[in-house]
């Protein structure tokens, strides 16, 4: 896909005390995704993630609380014929209070156990391709103990 068909964004993985992910549904969209959005001119990816998170959820994050999860590409959830390339950051602290703001119509907490496909089995939540195809597998892979970490006692 050519660069003129790729939308660059930054997004943030926020988790509550039980490890569930905060997902948002924007006004006019049927799909849930991570909080985030497009950069302002001259804005670095981490700055975009921090600003968008505050605008969409009211959660204010210091830069030191974010670690880079990766850069992922998938079909755009809301723009047919486009791909989205997301710089995804993960917040190192537990988040408890978030409020739908700006263009956000709805917030939900999503357990990784419930996130098996674009439509979760336990709810009627429809998830963005980036979340299902890239971010959730990356989180699951990272959260799994490696073979060297397993004790056979």
C-alpha atoms as a PDB file:
ATOM      1  CA  UNK A   1       0.000   0.000   0.000  1.00  0.00           C
ATOM      2  CA  UNK A   2       1.362   3.447  -0.893  1.00  0.00           C
ATOM      3  CA  UNK A   3       2.140   5.965   1.841  1.00  0.00           C
ATOM      4  CA  UNK A   4      -0.745   8.189   0.698  1.00  0.00           C
ATOM      5  CA  UNK A   5      -3.104   5.354   1.736  1.00  0.00           C
ATOM      6  CA  UNK A   6      -1.518   4.932   5.195  1.00  0.00           C
ATOM      7  CA  UNK A   7      -2.720   6.903   8.209  1.00  0.00           C
ATOM      8  CA  UNK A   8      -0.094   7.371  10.929  1.00  0.00           C
ATOM      9  CA  UNK A   9      -1.333   7.467  14.520  1.00  0.00           C
ATOM     10  CA  UNK A  10      -0.176   6.913  18.087  1.00  0.00           C
ATOM     11  CA  UNK A  11      -2.123   4.836  20.605  1.00  0.00           C
ATOM     12  CA  UNK A  12      -1.891   3.862  24.268  1.00  0.00           C
ATOM     13  CA  UNK A  13      -2.490   0.560  26.055  1.00  0.00           C
ATOM     14  CA  UNK A  14      -4.036   1.369  29.434  1.00  0.00           C
ATOM     15  CA  UNK A  15      -4.838  -1.431  31.894  1.00  0.00           C
ATOM     16  CA  UNK A  16      -6.874  -1.579  35.067  1.00  0.00           C
ATOM     17  CA  UNK A  17      -5.990  -3.535  38.225  1.00  0.00           C
ATOM     18  CA  UNK A  18      -7.231  -6.816  36.697  1.00  0.00           C
ATOM     19  CA  UNK A  19      -5.178  -6.326  33.525  1.00  0.00           C
ATOM     20  CA  UNK A  20      -8.111  -5.462  31.247  1.00  0.00           C
ATOM     21  CA  UNK A  21      -7.462  -3.011  28.396  1.00  0.00           C
ATOM     22  CA  UNK A  22      -9.249   0.308  28.076  1.00  0.00           C
ATOM     23  CA  UNK A  23     -10.881   0.464  24.643  1.00  0.00           C
ATOM     24  CA  UNK A  24     -12.791   3.365  23.120  1.00  0.00           C
ATOM     25  CA  UNK A  25     -15.436   3.746  20.440  1.00  0.00           C
ATOM     26  CA  UNK A  26     -15.371   7.013  18.558  1.00  0.00           C
ATOM     27  CA  UNK A  27     -18.552   8.837  17.553  1.00  0.00           C
ATOM     28  CA  UNK A  28     -19.746   7.467  14.203  1.00  0.00           C
ATOM     29  CA  UNK A  29     -17.763   4.227  14.510  1.00  0.00           C
ATOM     30  CA  UNK A  30     -18.999   0.757  15.414  1.00  0.00           C
ATOM     31  CA  UNK A  31     -15.524  -0.543  16.296  1.00  0.00           C
ATOM     32  CA  UNK A  32     -13.609  -0.236  19.533  1.00  0.00           C
ATOM     33  CA  UNK A  33      -9.904   0.606  19.521  1.00  0.00           C
ATOM     34  CA  UNK A  34      -7.167   1.911  21.789  1.00  0.00           C
ATOM     35  CA  UNK A  35      -7.215   5.573  22.791  1.00  0.00           C
ATOM     36  CA  UNK A  36      -5.102   7.547  20.341  1.00  0.00           C
ATOM     37  CA  UNK A  37      -5.055   9.503  17.142  1.00  0.00           C
ATOM     38  CA  UNK A  38      -3.198  11.494  14.527  1.00  0.00           C
ATOM     39  CA  UNK A  39      -0.216  13.720  15.321  1.00  0.00           C
ATOM     40  CA  UNK A  40      -0.266  17.499  15.281  1.00  0.00           C
ATOM     41  CA  UNK A  41       2.412  19.103  13.041  1.00  0.00           C
ATOM     42  CA  UNK A  42       5.879  18.571  14.556  1.00  0.00           C
ATOM     43  CA  UNK A  43       4.596  16.289  17.309  1.00  0.00           C
ATOM     44  CA  UNK A  44       6.601  13.157  18.203  1.00  0.00           C
ATOM     45  CA  UNK A  45       4.716   9.820  18.498  1.00  0.00           C
ATOM     46  CA  UNK A  46       4.990   9.713  22.311  1.00  0.00           C
ATOM     47  CA  UNK A  47       3.699  13.298  22.560  1.00  0.00           C
ATOM     48  CA  UNK A  48       0.764  12.391  20.318  1.00  0.00           C
ATOM     49  CA  UNK A  49      -0.066   9.386  22.506  1.00  0.00           C
ATOM     50  CA  UNK A  50      -0.003  11.491  25.680  1.00  0.00           C
ATOM     51  CA  UNK A  51      -2.120  14.294  24.190  1.00  0.00           C
ATOM     52  CA  UNK A  52      -4.693  11.986  22.588  1.00  0.00           C
ATOM     53  CA  UNK A  53      -5.035   9.907  25.758  1.00  0.00           C
ATOM     54  CA  UNK A  54      -5.756  13.039  27.814  1.00  0.00           C
ATOM     55  CA  UNK A  55      -8.196  14.414  25.221  1.00  0.00           C
ATOM     56  CA  UNK A  56     -10.130  11.167  24.782  1.00  0.00           C
ATOM     57  CA  UNK A  57     -10.119   9.678  28.293  1.00  0.00           C
ATOM     58  CA  UNK A  58      -9.079  12.413  30.716  1.00  0.00           C
ATOM     59  CA  UNK A  59      -6.091  10.260  31.752  1.00  0.00           C
ATOM     60  CA  UNK A  60      -2.948  12.395  31.985  1.00  0.00           C
ATOM     61  CA  UNK A  61       0.259  10.427  31.531  1.00  0.00           C
ATOM     62  CA  UNK A  62       3.815  11.544  32.211  1.00  0.00           C
ATOM     63  CA  UNK A  63       6.153  10.469  29.391  1.00  0.00           C
ATOM     64  CA  UNK A  64       8.142   8.347  31.868  1.00  0.00           C
ATOM     65  CA  UNK A  65       5.084   6.103  32.415  1.00  0.00           C
ATOM     66  CA  UNK A  66       5.023   5.000  28.758  1.00  0.00           C
ATOM     67  CA  UNK A  67       7.062   2.230  27.187  1.00  0.00           C
ATOM     68  CA  UNK A  68       7.045   1.507  23.481  1.00  0.00           C
ATOM     69  CA  UNK A  69       5.164  -1.682  22.592  1.00  0.00           C
ATOM     70  CA  UNK A  70       5.885  -1.377  18.866  1.00  0.00           C
ATOM     71  CA  UNK A  71       4.807   0.003  15.514  1.00  0.00           C
ATOM     72  CA  UNK A  72       2.013  -1.976  13.892  1.00  0.00           C
ATOM     73  CA  UNK A  73       0.105  -1.780  10.604  1.00  0.00           C
ATOM     74  CA  UNK A  74      -3.405  -3.056   9.791  1.00  0.00           C
ATOM     75  CA  UNK A  75      -6.497  -2.109   7.819  1.00  0.00           C
ATOM     76  CA  UNK A  76      -8.006   1.143   9.090  1.00  0.00           C
ATOM     77  CA  UNK A  77     -11.194   0.590  11.088  1.00  0.00           C
ATOM     78  CA  UNK A  78     -12.992   3.720   9.910  1.00  0.00           C
ATOM     79  CA  UNK A  79     -11.483   4.597   6.517  1.00  0.00           C
ATOM     80  CA  UNK A  80     -12.133   2.027   3.769  1.00  0.00           C
ATOM     81  CA  UNK A  81      -9.160   1.440   1.476  1.00  0.00           C
ATOM     82  CA  UNK A  82      -6.667   2.822   3.994  1.00  0.00           C
ATOM     83  CA  UNK A  83      -4.225   1.211   6.385  1.00  0.00           C
ATOM     84  CA  UNK A  84      -3.274   2.547   9.783  1.00  0.00           C
ATOM     85  CA  UNK A  85       0.311   2.549  11.053  1.00  0.00           C
ATOM     86  CA  UNK A  86       0.270   2.937  14.822  1.00  0.00           C
ATOM     87  CA  UNK A  87       3.070   3.748  17.218  1.00  0.00           C
ATOM     88  CA  UNK A  88       1.719   1.935  20.271  1.00  0.00           C
ATOM     89  CA  UNK A  89       2.822   2.706  23.809  1.00  0.00           C
ATOM     90  CA  UNK A  90       1.929   0.924  27.028  1.00  0.00           C
ATOM     91  CA  UNK A  91       1.325   2.706  30.300  1.00  0.00           C
ATOM     92  CA  UNK A  92       3.327   1.165  33.162  1.00  0.00           C
ATOM     93  CA  UNK A  93       0.870   2.198  35.850  1.00  0.00           C
ATOM     94  CA  UNK A  94      -2.632   0.923  36.579  1.00  0.00           C
ATOM     95  CA  UNK A  95      -5.427   3.215  35.415  1.00  0.00           C
ATOM     96  CA  UNK A  96      -8.745   3.228  37.232  1.00  0.00           C
ATOM     97  CA  UNK A  97     -10.607   6.358  36.224  1.00  0.00           C
ATOM     98  CA  UNK A  98     -11.229   7.238  32.611  1.00  0.00           C
ATOM     99  CA  UNK A  99     -14.026   9.297  31.100  1.00  0.00           C
ATOM    100  CA  UNK A 100     -15.261   9.454  27.521  1.00  0.00           C
ATOM    101  CA  UNK A 101     -14.369  12.895  26.156  1.00  0.00           C
ATOM    102  CA  UNK A 102     -13.772  14.677  22.835  1.00  0.00           C
ATOM    103  CA  UNK A 103     -14.931  12.388  19.998  1.00  0.00           C
ATOM    104  CA  UNK A 104     -15.304   9.298  22.211  1.00  0.00           C
ATOM    105  CA  UNK A 105     -18.834   7.884  22.410  1.00  0.00           C
ATOM    106  CA  UNK A 106     -18.074   4.975  24.744  1.00  0.00           C
ATOM    107  CA  UNK A 107     -15.346   3.420  26.911  1.00  0.00           C
ATOM    108  CA  UNK A 108     -15.075  -0.230  27.955  1.00  0.00           C
ATOM    109  CA  UNK A 109     -12.607  -2.468  29.726  1.00  0.00           C
ATOM    110  CA  UNK A 110     -11.695  -5.560  27.694  1.00  0.00           C
ATOM    111  CA  UNK A 111     -10.149  -8.674  29.202  1.00  0.00           C
ATOM    112  CA  UNK A 112      -7.513 -10.267  26.959  1.00  0.00           C
ATOM    113  CA  UNK A 113      -9.376 -13.549  27.543  1.00  0.00           C
ATOM    114  CA  UNK A 114     -12.421 -12.045  25.792  1.00  0.00           C
ATOM    115  CA  UNK A 115     -10.456 -10.669  22.848  1.00  0.00           C
ATOM    116  CA  UNK A 116     -10.338 -13.654  20.521  1.00  0.00           C
ATOM    117  CA  UNK A 117     -11.671 -12.160  17.296  1.00  0.00           C
ATOM    118  CA  UNK A 118     -12.994  -8.965  15.759  1.00  0.00           C
ATOM    119  CA  UNK A 119     -16.214  -9.627  17.653  1.00  0.00           C
ATOM    120  CA  UNK A 120     -15.639 -10.968  21.130  1.00  0.00           C
ATOM    121  CA  UNK A 121     -17.498 -14.107  22.109  1.00  0.00           C
ATOM    122  CA  UNK A 122     -18.719 -12.795  25.464  1.00  0.00           C
ATOM    123  CA  UNK A 123     -19.995  -9.399  24.320  1.00  0.00           C
ATOM    124  CA  UNK A 124     -21.208  -7.642  21.226  1.00  0.00           C
ATOM    125  CA  UNK A 125     -18.053  -5.528  21.071  1.00  0.00           C
ATOM    126  CA  UNK A 126     -16.594  -5.126  17.593  1.00  0.00           C
ATOM    127  CA  UNK A 127     -12.833  -4.504  17.651  1.00  0.00           C
ATOM    128  CA  UNK A 128     -10.595  -2.651  15.185  1.00  0.00           C
ATOM    129  CA  UNK A 129      -8.291  -4.829  13.035  1.00  0.00           C
ATOM    130  CA  UNK A 130      -5.147  -3.223  14.512  1.00  0.00           C
ATOM    131  CA  UNK A 131      -6.191  -4.275  17.996  1.00  0.00           C
ATOM    132  CA  UNK A 132      -7.150  -7.846  17.051  1.00  0.00           C
ATOM    133  CA  UNK A 133      -4.428  -8.619  14.499  1.00  0.00           C
ATOM    134  CA  UNK A 134      -1.439  -6.819  15.995  1.00  0.00           C
ATOM    135  CA  UNK A 135      -1.694  -5.290  19.476  1.00  0.00           C
ATOM    136  CA  UNK A 136      -3.506  -8.062  21.378  1.00  0.00           C
ATOM    137  CA  UNK A 137      -1.218 -10.802  19.967  1.00  0.00           C
ATOM    138  CA  UNK A 138       1.823  -8.672  20.885  1.00  0.00           C
ATOM    139  CA  UNK A 139       0.541  -8.235  24.441  1.00  0.00           C
ATOM    140  CA  UNK A 140      -0.274 -11.939  24.792  1.00  0.00           C
ATOM    141  CA  UNK A 141       3.106 -12.965  23.423  1.00  0.00           C
ATOM    142  CA  UNK A 142       4.920 -10.590  25.746  1.00  0.00           C
ATOM    143  CA  UNK A 143       2.839 -11.626  28.768  1.00  0.00           C
ATOM    144  CA  UNK A 144       3.508 -15.366  28.227  1.00  0.00           C
ATOM    145  CA  UNK A 145       6.461 -16.822  30.137  1.00  0.00           C
ATOM    146  CA  UNK A 146       9.289 -17.947  27.884  1.00  0.00           C
ATOM    147  CA  UNK A 147      10.408 -21.604  27.856  1.00  0.00           C
ATOM    148  CA  UNK A 148      13.407 -20.689  30.006  1.00  0.00           C
ATOM    149  CA  UNK A 149      11.094 -19.242  32.687  1.00  0.00           C
ATOM    150  CA  UNK A 150       9.066 -22.426  33.231  1.00  0.00           C
ATOM    151  CA  UNK A 151       9.896 -24.569  36.221  1.00  0.00           C
ATOM    152  CA  UNK A 152       9.325 -28.316  35.874  1.00  0.00           C
ATOM    153  CA  UNK A 153       9.461 -29.108  39.612  1.00  0.00           C
END
